[in-house]
Protein backbone atom coordinates (compact mmCIF):
# COMPACT_ATOMS: atom_id res chain seq x y z
CA UNK A 1 3.13 -20.30 8.70
CA UNK A 2 4.28 -16.94 7.39
CA UNK A 3 3.00 -15.12 4.33
CA UNK A 4 5.66 -13.03 2.61
CA UNK A 5 5.01 -10.14 0.20
CA UNK A 6 7.37 -9.96 -2.78
CA UNK A 7 7.16 -6.68 -4.67
CA UNK A 8 8.88 -5.10 -7.66
CA UNK A 9 8.90 -8.36 -9.58
CA UNK A 10 9.74 -8.28 -13.25
CA UNK A 11 6.50 -8.81 -15.20
CA UNK A 12 8.05 -11.93 -16.76
CA UNK A 13 8.99 -13.51 -13.40
CA UNK A 14 7.74 -17.07 -12.94
CA UNK A 15 6.54 -18.86 -9.84
CA UNK A 16 9.33 -21.39 -10.35
CA UNK A 17 12.00 -18.64 -10.31
CA UNK A 18 10.58 -17.08 -7.15
CA UNK A 19 10.25 -20.50 -5.50
CA UNK A 20 13.89 -21.38 -6.20
CA UNK A 21 15.02 -18.05 -4.74
CA UNK A 22 13.15 -18.71 -1.48
CA UNK A 23 13.97 -22.41 -1.25
CA UNK A 24 17.57 -21.47 -0.46
CA UNK A 25 16.16 -20.44 2.97
CA UNK A 26 13.81 -23.35 3.63
CA UNK A 27 10.73 -25.22 2.50
CA UNK A 28 8.27 -23.16 0.41
CA UNK A 29 4.63 -24.20 0.72
CA UNK A 30 3.13 -21.94 -1.93
CA UNK A 31 4.05 -19.22 -4.44
CA UNK A 32 1.41 -16.96 -5.97
CA UNK A 33 2.28 -14.26 -8.52
CA UNK A 34 -0.66 -11.88 -8.74
CA UNK A 35 -2.12 -11.30 -12.18
CA UNK A 36 -4.59 -8.81 -13.58
CA UNK A 37 -8.10 -10.19 -13.55
CA UNK A 38 -8.93 -8.95 -17.04
CA UNK A 39 -5.67 -9.35 -19.00
CA UNK A 40 -3.89 -12.14 -17.15
CA UNK A 41 -0.76 -9.97 -17.13
CA UNK A 42 1.45 -10.20 -14.04
CA UNK A 43 1.03 -7.16 -11.76
CA UNK A 44 4.60 -7.09 -10.48
CA UNK A 45 4.09 -8.60 -7.06
CA UNK A 46 3.28 -11.87 -5.38
CA UNK A 47 3.25 -13.86 -2.16
CA UNK A 48 5.30 -16.75 -0.80
CA UNK A 49 4.14 -18.95 2.04
CA UNK A 50 6.73 -20.69 4.23
CA UNK A 51 5.69 -22.94 7.13
CA UNK A 52 8.76 -22.34 9.33
CA UNK A 53 8.69 -18.80 10.68
CA UNK A 54 12.45 -18.76 11.33
CA UNK A 55 13.13 -19.72 7.66
CA UNK A 56 10.70 -17.03 6.51
CA UNK A 57 12.39 -14.39 8.66
CA UNK A 58 15.79 -15.38 7.25
CA UNK A 59 14.41 -15.24 3.70
CA UNK A 60 12.96 -11.75 4.25
CA UNK A 61 16.25 -10.47 5.68
CA UNK A 62 18.33 -12.17 3.01
CA UNK A 63 16.26 -11.37 -0.06
CA UNK A 64 14.95 -7.83 0.54
CA UNK A 65 16.77 -5.58 -1.92
CA UNK A 66 18.37 -8.42 -3.94
CA UNK A 67 17.92 -8.48 -7.70
CA UNK A 68 15.84 -10.86 -9.75
CA UNK A 69 15.72 -10.30 -13.49
CA UNK A 70 17.33 -6.86 -13.09
CA UNK A 71 14.91 -5.53 -10.47
CA UNK A 72 15.57 -5.04 -6.75
CA UNK A 73 12.97 -7.01 -4.82
CA UNK A 74 10.89 -5.57 -2.01
CA UNK A 75 10.44 -8.47 0.42
CA UNK A 76 8.62 -8.22 3.74
CA UNK A 77 6.00 -9.93 5.85
CA UNK A 78 2.60 -9.61 4.21
CA UNK A 79 0.06 -7.56 6.11
CA UNK A 80 -3.41 -9.02 6.50
CA UNK A 81 -5.79 -8.03 3.74
CA UNK A 82 -7.91 -5.06 4.76
CA UNK A 83 -11.57 -4.81 3.97
CA UNK A 84 -11.85 -2.24 1.22
CA UNK A 85 -15.61 -2.14 1.22
CA UNK A 86 -17.89 -3.20 -1.62
CA UNK A 87 -15.99 -1.28 -4.27
CA UNK A 88 -18.87 0.88 -5.43
CA UNK A 89 -18.56 4.12 -3.62
CA UNK A 90 -16.48 6.96 -2.58
CA UNK A 91 -13.77 7.91 -5.01
CA UNK A 92 -14.35 10.54 -7.63
CA UNK A 93 -17.16 11.26 -9.98
CA UNK A 94 -20.64 11.56 -8.67
CA UNK A 95 -22.32 14.43 -7.01
CA UNK A 96 -20.74 16.35 -4.17
CA UNK A 97 -22.75 17.04 -1.08
CA UNK A 98 -21.56 20.00 0.93
């Protein structure tokens, strides 16, 4: 199973359109276009899961840089999600301690 990052998606791109693009390379298990939690608006990227690693590698090589809805896609293997902490702390505002 390989998880593929798909970036620079048009904000109107649908899961069906992304699925059909990747299905040319093999079976697609899942497509997820990431949306904003508050507005529901697409955020311009998503993920595709393909069970056959060879198919996924061919899809990455074949689709990276190709256009969908007028935008050149950024397609590569997704990196594991990093732990970004509890989201409360360190960036900006607050009091500086020297």
